[in-house]
Amino acid sequence: MTAESGKPAALSTEGEGRPSFASPAAEGGWHLVVRVQPGAKKSEFAGVQEGRLRIRLAAPAVENKANKALTAFVAKALGLRATKVTLLSGETGRQKRLLVQTAEEPHWGRLLS
């Protein structure tokens, strides 16, 4: 929590309750910047570090398995179909950029708990 706002530190002042890792996309929807750790014991959200949402994935980083697991995991957490979350960049790295296709702003608290 920050002293001045009383809100969790991961939430920025960009929008009411909008975290630092999320921003409106020009093409509609939302961009998310994430850092992924594949091959973890279980898939889970691991907080925010350097403005990126940290995600641990049980899927290994081979044959695109971790990327597919990432989009499905984020979509499920936000209550969306897997096809509504797309990997825009970072296919072979740990730092990735996602597009969440939804008209309304998602409930970001689902990704921070």
N, C-alpha and C. Protein backbone atom coordinates (compact mmCIF):
# COMPACT_ATOMS: atom_id res chain seq x y z
N MET A 1 0.83 -1.18 0.00
CA MET A 1 0.00 0.00 0.00
C MET A 1 0.87 1.24 0.00
N THR A 2 0.41 2.22 -0.71
CA THR A 2 1.14 3.48 -0.70
C THR A 2 0.60 4.35 0.42
N ALA A 3 1.45 5.16 1.00
CA ALA A 3 1.06 5.99 2.14
C ALA A 3 0.05 7.05 1.75
N GLU A 4 0.22 7.67 0.57
CA GLU A 4 -0.66 8.77 0.22
C GLU A 4 -2.04 8.34 -0.27
N SER A 5 -2.14 7.19 -0.93
CA SER A 5 -3.44 6.81 -1.48
C SER A 5 -4.13 5.70 -0.71
N GLY A 6 -3.36 4.88 0.01
CA GLY A 6 -3.96 3.76 0.71
C GLY A 6 -4.30 2.62 -0.22
N LYS A 7 -3.89 2.70 -1.50
CA LYS A 7 -4.15 1.65 -2.48
C LYS A 7 -2.93 0.76 -2.60
N PRO A 8 -3.11 -0.47 -3.09
CA PRO A 8 -1.96 -1.34 -3.28
C PRO A 8 -0.93 -0.66 -4.18
N ALA A 9 0.35 -0.90 -3.93
CA ALA A 9 1.43 -0.26 -4.68
C ALA A 9 1.38 -0.57 -6.16
N ALA A 10 0.81 -1.70 -6.56
CA ALA A 10 0.76 -2.09 -7.97
C ALA A 10 -0.21 -1.22 -8.77
N LEU A 11 -1.10 -0.51 -8.10
CA LEU A 11 -2.06 0.32 -8.80
C LEU A 11 -1.47 1.70 -9.02
N SER A 12 -1.56 2.17 -10.24
CA SER A 12 -1.01 3.49 -10.55
C SER A 12 -2.13 4.51 -10.57
N THR A 13 -1.78 5.74 -10.89
CA THR A 13 -2.78 6.80 -10.97
C THR A 13 -3.22 7.03 -12.40
N GLU A 14 -2.86 6.14 -13.34
CA GLU A 14 -3.24 6.31 -14.73
C GLU A 14 -4.76 6.32 -14.90
N GLY A 15 -5.44 5.47 -14.19
CA GLY A 15 -6.89 5.38 -14.25
C GLY A 15 -7.33 4.87 -12.90
N GLU A 16 -8.55 5.10 -12.56
CA GLU A 16 -9.02 4.68 -11.24
C GLU A 16 -8.91 3.17 -11.11
N GLY A 17 -8.00 2.72 -10.27
CA GLY A 17 -7.82 1.30 -10.04
C GLY A 17 -7.07 0.57 -11.14
N ARG A 18 -6.46 1.28 -12.06
CA ARG A 18 -5.73 0.63 -13.15
C ARG A 18 -4.29 0.38 -12.72
N PRO A 19 -3.83 -0.87 -12.82
CA PRO A 19 -2.45 -1.19 -12.42
C PRO A 19 -1.43 -0.69 -13.44
N SER A 20 -0.20 -0.62 -13.00
CA SER A 20 0.88 -0.11 -13.85
C SER A 20 1.15 -1.00 -15.07
N PHE A 21 0.79 -2.26 -15.02
CA PHE A 21 1.07 -3.18 -16.12
C PHE A 21 -0.01 -3.16 -17.20
N ALA A 22 -1.06 -2.39 -17.04
CA ALA A 22 -2.17 -2.35 -18.01
C ALA A 22 -2.31 -0.95 -18.59
N SER A 23 -2.61 -0.91 -19.89
CA SER A 23 -2.85 0.37 -20.55
C SER A 23 -3.85 0.17 -21.69
N PRO A 24 -4.64 1.21 -22.01
CA PRO A 24 -5.58 1.08 -23.11
C PRO A 24 -4.84 0.87 -24.43
N ALA A 25 -5.36 0.01 -25.28
CA ALA A 25 -4.76 -0.26 -26.59
C ALA A 25 -5.43 0.60 -27.64
N ALA A 26 -4.65 1.11 -28.58
CA ALA A 26 -5.19 1.95 -29.64
C ALA A 26 -6.20 1.20 -30.48
N GLU A 27 -6.00 -0.11 -30.66
CA GLU A 27 -6.89 -0.93 -31.47
C GLU A 27 -8.12 -1.40 -30.69
N GLY A 28 -8.29 -0.91 -29.49
CA GLY A 28 -9.39 -1.33 -28.62
C GLY A 28 -8.90 -2.42 -27.69
N GLY A 29 -9.46 -2.48 -26.53
CA GLY A 29 -9.02 -3.47 -25.56
C GLY A 29 -7.91 -2.91 -24.69
N TRP A 30 -7.05 -3.81 -24.19
CA TRP A 30 -6.04 -3.43 -23.21
C TRP A 30 -4.73 -4.14 -23.47
N HIS A 31 -3.63 -3.43 -23.29
CA HIS A 31 -2.31 -4.04 -23.34
C HIS A 31 -1.89 -4.40 -21.92
N LEU A 32 -1.30 -5.57 -21.78
CA LEU A 32 -0.71 -5.99 -20.51
C LEU A 32 0.75 -6.30 -20.75
N VAL A 33 1.62 -5.83 -19.86
CA VAL A 33 3.03 -6.21 -19.93
C VAL A 33 3.29 -7.17 -18.77
N VAL A 34 3.88 -8.31 -19.11
CA VAL A 34 4.07 -9.36 -18.12
C VAL A 34 5.48 -9.91 -18.17
N ARG A 35 5.87 -10.55 -17.08
CA ARG A 35 7.12 -11.31 -17.01
C ARG A 35 6.72 -12.71 -16.61
N VAL A 36 7.11 -13.69 -17.42
CA VAL A 36 6.66 -15.07 -17.25
C VAL A 36 7.81 -15.95 -16.78
N GLN A 37 7.49 -16.84 -15.84
CA GLN A 37 8.43 -17.86 -15.39
C GLN A 37 7.82 -19.22 -15.73
N PRO A 38 8.23 -19.81 -16.84
CA PRO A 38 7.69 -21.13 -17.22
C PRO A 38 8.31 -22.24 -16.38
N GLY A 39 7.66 -23.40 -16.37
CA GLY A 39 8.19 -24.55 -15.66
C GLY A 39 8.05 -24.47 -14.15
N ALA A 40 7.14 -23.64 -13.65
CA ALA A 40 6.93 -23.50 -12.21
C ALA A 40 6.14 -24.70 -11.69
N LYS A 41 6.08 -24.81 -10.38
CA LYS A 41 5.32 -25.90 -9.75
C LYS A 41 3.84 -25.83 -10.11
N LYS A 42 3.31 -24.61 -10.09
CA LYS A 42 1.91 -24.41 -10.45
C LYS A 42 1.75 -23.04 -11.10
N SER A 43 0.68 -22.88 -11.85
CA SER A 43 0.41 -21.60 -12.50
C SER A 43 -0.24 -20.66 -11.49
N GLU A 44 0.35 -19.46 -11.37
CA GLU A 44 -0.17 -18.48 -10.43
C GLU A 44 0.36 -17.09 -10.74
N PHE A 45 -0.36 -16.08 -10.25
CA PHE A 45 0.11 -14.71 -10.34
C PHE A 45 1.06 -14.47 -9.19
N ALA A 46 2.15 -13.74 -9.45
CA ALA A 46 3.21 -13.57 -8.45
C ALA A 46 3.51 -12.11 -8.18
N GLY A 47 2.51 -11.24 -8.29
CA GLY A 47 2.71 -9.84 -7.97
C GLY A 47 3.17 -9.01 -9.14
N VAL A 48 3.69 -7.85 -8.83
CA VAL A 48 4.16 -6.90 -9.85
C VAL A 48 5.60 -6.54 -9.55
N GLN A 49 6.41 -6.54 -10.59
CA GLN A 49 7.82 -6.17 -10.45
C GLN A 49 8.21 -5.30 -11.64
N GLU A 50 8.77 -4.14 -11.35
CA GLU A 50 9.22 -3.19 -12.38
C GLU A 50 8.11 -2.88 -13.38
N GLY A 51 6.89 -2.71 -12.89
CA GLY A 51 5.77 -2.34 -13.74
C GLY A 51 5.20 -3.47 -14.57
N ARG A 52 5.66 -4.69 -14.35
CA ARG A 52 5.15 -5.85 -15.09
C ARG A 52 4.47 -6.83 -14.15
N LEU A 53 3.39 -7.41 -14.62
CA LEU A 53 2.72 -8.46 -13.87
C LEU A 53 3.56 -9.73 -13.97
N ARG A 54 3.92 -10.30 -12.83
CA ARG A 54 4.71 -11.54 -12.82
C ARG A 54 3.76 -12.72 -12.78
N ILE A 55 4.01 -13.69 -13.67
CA ILE A 55 3.17 -14.88 -13.76
C ILE A 55 4.06 -16.11 -13.79
N ARG A 56 3.78 -17.04 -12.90
CA ARG A 56 4.46 -18.34 -12.91
C ARG A 56 3.56 -19.31 -13.64
N LEU A 57 4.13 -20.06 -14.59
CA LEU A 57 3.35 -21.02 -15.37
C LEU A 57 3.90 -22.43 -15.19
N ALA A 58 3.01 -23.39 -15.03
CA ALA A 58 3.44 -24.79 -14.91
C ALA A 58 3.91 -25.33 -16.25
N ALA A 59 3.46 -24.77 -17.34
CA ALA A 59 3.82 -25.25 -18.68
C ALA A 59 5.30 -24.99 -18.96
N PRO A 60 5.96 -25.92 -19.64
CA PRO A 60 7.37 -25.72 -19.99
C PRO A 60 7.52 -24.75 -21.17
N ALA A 61 8.70 -24.18 -21.30
CA ALA A 61 8.98 -23.23 -22.38
C ALA A 61 9.49 -23.96 -23.62
N VAL A 62 8.73 -24.91 -24.10
CA VAL A 62 9.08 -25.65 -25.32
C VAL A 62 7.86 -25.72 -26.23
N GLU A 63 8.12 -25.64 -27.52
CA GLU A 63 7.08 -25.78 -28.56
C GLU A 63 5.86 -24.89 -28.31
N ASN A 64 6.09 -23.68 -27.83
CA ASN A 64 5.04 -22.68 -27.65
C ASN A 64 4.03 -23.04 -26.55
N LYS A 65 4.32 -24.06 -25.75
CA LYS A 65 3.38 -24.49 -24.70
C LYS A 65 3.17 -23.41 -23.65
N ALA A 66 4.23 -22.74 -23.23
CA ALA A 66 4.09 -21.70 -22.20
C ALA A 66 3.28 -20.51 -22.72
N ASN A 67 3.47 -20.13 -23.97
CA ASN A 67 2.70 -19.01 -24.53
C ASN A 67 1.21 -19.33 -24.60
N LYS A 68 0.88 -20.54 -25.01
CA LYS A 68 -0.53 -20.96 -25.07
C LYS A 68 -1.12 -21.01 -23.67
N ALA A 69 -0.35 -21.53 -22.72
CA ALA A 69 -0.82 -21.59 -21.33
C ALA A 69 -1.00 -20.19 -20.76
N LEU A 70 -0.12 -19.26 -21.12
CA LEU A 70 -0.20 -17.89 -20.64
C LEU A 70 -1.49 -17.22 -21.08
N THR A 71 -1.81 -17.27 -22.35
CA THR A 71 -3.02 -16.61 -22.84
C THR A 71 -4.27 -17.25 -22.23
N ALA A 72 -4.28 -18.57 -22.10
CA ALA A 72 -5.43 -19.25 -21.51
C ALA A 72 -5.57 -18.90 -20.03
N PHE A 73 -4.45 -18.83 -19.31
CA PHE A 73 -4.46 -18.53 -17.88
C PHE A 73 -4.96 -17.12 -17.60
N VAL A 74 -4.47 -16.15 -18.36
CA VAL A 74 -4.90 -14.76 -18.18
C VAL A 74 -6.38 -14.61 -18.55
N ALA A 75 -6.79 -15.23 -19.65
CA ALA A 75 -8.19 -15.15 -20.08
C ALA A 75 -9.12 -15.73 -19.01
N LYS A 76 -8.77 -16.88 -18.48
CA LYS A 76 -9.60 -17.51 -17.45
C LYS A 76 -9.70 -16.62 -16.22
N ALA A 77 -8.59 -16.04 -15.80
CA ALA A 77 -8.59 -15.16 -14.62
C ALA A 77 -9.47 -13.94 -14.82
N LEU A 78 -9.55 -13.44 -16.05
CA LEU A 78 -10.36 -12.26 -16.35
C LEU A 78 -11.80 -12.61 -16.73
N GLY A 79 -12.10 -13.91 -16.80
CA GLY A 79 -13.45 -14.34 -17.16
C GLY A 79 -13.75 -14.20 -18.64
N LEU A 80 -12.71 -14.35 -19.48
CA LEU A 80 -12.85 -14.21 -20.93
C LEU A 80 -12.55 -15.54 -21.62
N ARG A 81 -12.95 -15.64 -22.90
CA ARG A 81 -12.56 -16.80 -23.70
C ARG A 81 -11.08 -16.66 -24.03
N ALA A 82 -10.41 -17.78 -24.20
CA ALA A 82 -8.97 -17.78 -24.49
C ALA A 82 -8.64 -17.02 -25.77
N THR A 83 -9.55 -16.99 -26.71
CA THR A 83 -9.30 -16.29 -27.98
C THR A 83 -9.29 -14.78 -27.82
N LYS A 84 -9.71 -14.27 -26.66
CA LYS A 84 -9.74 -12.83 -26.42
C LYS A 84 -8.42 -12.29 -25.87
N VAL A 85 -7.44 -13.18 -25.63
CA VAL A 85 -6.12 -12.75 -25.16
C VAL A 85 -5.09 -13.22 -26.20
N THR A 86 -4.33 -12.27 -26.72
CA THR A 86 -3.38 -12.54 -27.80
C THR A 86 -1.98 -12.10 -27.39
N LEU A 87 -0.99 -12.89 -27.73
CA LEU A 87 0.40 -12.53 -27.50
C LEU A 87 0.85 -11.60 -28.62
N LEU A 88 1.25 -10.37 -28.28
CA LEU A 88 1.69 -9.40 -29.29
C LEU A 88 3.19 -9.44 -29.50
N SER A 89 3.95 -9.61 -28.42
CA SER A 89 5.41 -9.64 -28.55
C SER A 89 6.01 -10.44 -27.40
N GLY A 90 7.25 -10.88 -27.60
CA GLY A 90 7.96 -11.63 -26.57
C GLY A 90 7.79 -13.12 -26.69
N GLU A 91 7.56 -13.60 -27.89
CA GLU A 91 7.29 -15.03 -28.10
C GLU A 91 8.36 -15.93 -27.51
N THR A 92 9.63 -15.53 -27.61
CA THR A 92 10.71 -16.39 -27.11
C THR A 92 11.37 -15.88 -25.84
N GLY A 93 10.90 -14.77 -25.31
CA GLY A 93 11.50 -14.21 -24.10
C GLY A 93 10.56 -14.31 -22.91
N ARG A 94 11.04 -13.88 -21.77
CA ARG A 94 10.21 -13.90 -20.56
C ARG A 94 9.34 -12.66 -20.44
N GLN A 95 9.77 -11.56 -21.03
CA GLN A 95 8.97 -10.33 -21.00
C GLN A 95 8.08 -10.31 -22.23
N LYS A 96 6.78 -10.19 -21.97
CA LYS A 96 5.81 -10.30 -23.05
C LYS A 96 4.79 -9.17 -22.99
N ARG A 97 4.14 -8.94 -24.12
CA ARG A 97 3.07 -7.94 -24.21
C ARG A 97 1.84 -8.66 -24.75
N LEU A 98 0.73 -8.52 -24.03
CA LEU A 98 -0.51 -9.18 -24.41
C LEU A 98 -1.56 -8.15 -24.79
N LEU A 99 -2.49 -8.55 -25.65
CA LEU A 99 -3.66 -7.74 -25.97
C LEU A 99 -4.87 -8.47 -25.42
N VAL A 100 -5.61 -7.79 -24.54
CA VAL A 100 -6.85 -8.33 -23.99
C VAL A 100 -7.98 -7.63 -24.72
N GLN A 101 -8.74 -8.38 -25.49
CA GLN A 101 -9.80 -7.80 -26.31
C GLN A 101 -11.13 -7.84 -25.56
N THR A 102 -11.48 -6.69 -25.01
CA THR A 102 -12.75 -6.54 -24.30
C THR A 102 -13.14 -5.07 -24.34
N ALA A 103 -14.42 -4.82 -24.50
CA ALA A 103 -14.89 -3.45 -24.61
C ALA A 103 -14.82 -2.73 -23.26
N GLU A 104 -15.07 -3.46 -22.19
CA GLU A 104 -15.06 -2.86 -20.86
C GLU A 104 -13.72 -3.12 -20.17
N GLU A 105 -13.33 -2.22 -19.29
CA GLU A 105 -12.09 -2.42 -18.56
C GLU A 105 -12.24 -3.62 -17.62
N PRO A 106 -11.30 -4.58 -17.70
CA PRO A 106 -11.38 -5.75 -16.83
C PRO A 106 -11.23 -5.42 -15.35
N HIS A 107 -11.66 -6.32 -14.52
CA HIS A 107 -11.48 -6.18 -13.08
C HIS A 107 -10.05 -6.64 -12.76
N TRP A 108 -9.13 -5.69 -12.62
CA TRP A 108 -7.70 -6.00 -12.49
C TRP A 108 -7.38 -6.71 -11.19
N GLY A 109 -8.20 -6.56 -10.18
CA GLY A 109 -7.96 -7.23 -8.91
C GLY A 109 -7.87 -8.74 -9.04
N ARG A 110 -8.47 -9.30 -10.05
CA ARG A 110 -8.40 -10.75 -10.29
C ARG A 110 -6.99 -11.20 -10.61
N LEU A 111 -6.18 -10.30 -11.13
CA LEU A 111 -4.79 -10.64 -11.49
C LEU A 111 -3.81 -10.35 -10.36
N LEU A 112 -4.26 -9.66 -9.34
CA LEU A 112 -3.37 -9.25 -8.26
C LEU A 112 -3.54 -10.07 -6.99
N SER A 113 -4.50 -10.96 -6.99
CA SER A 113 -4.74 -11.73 -5.76
C SER A 113 -4.04 -13.08 -5.78
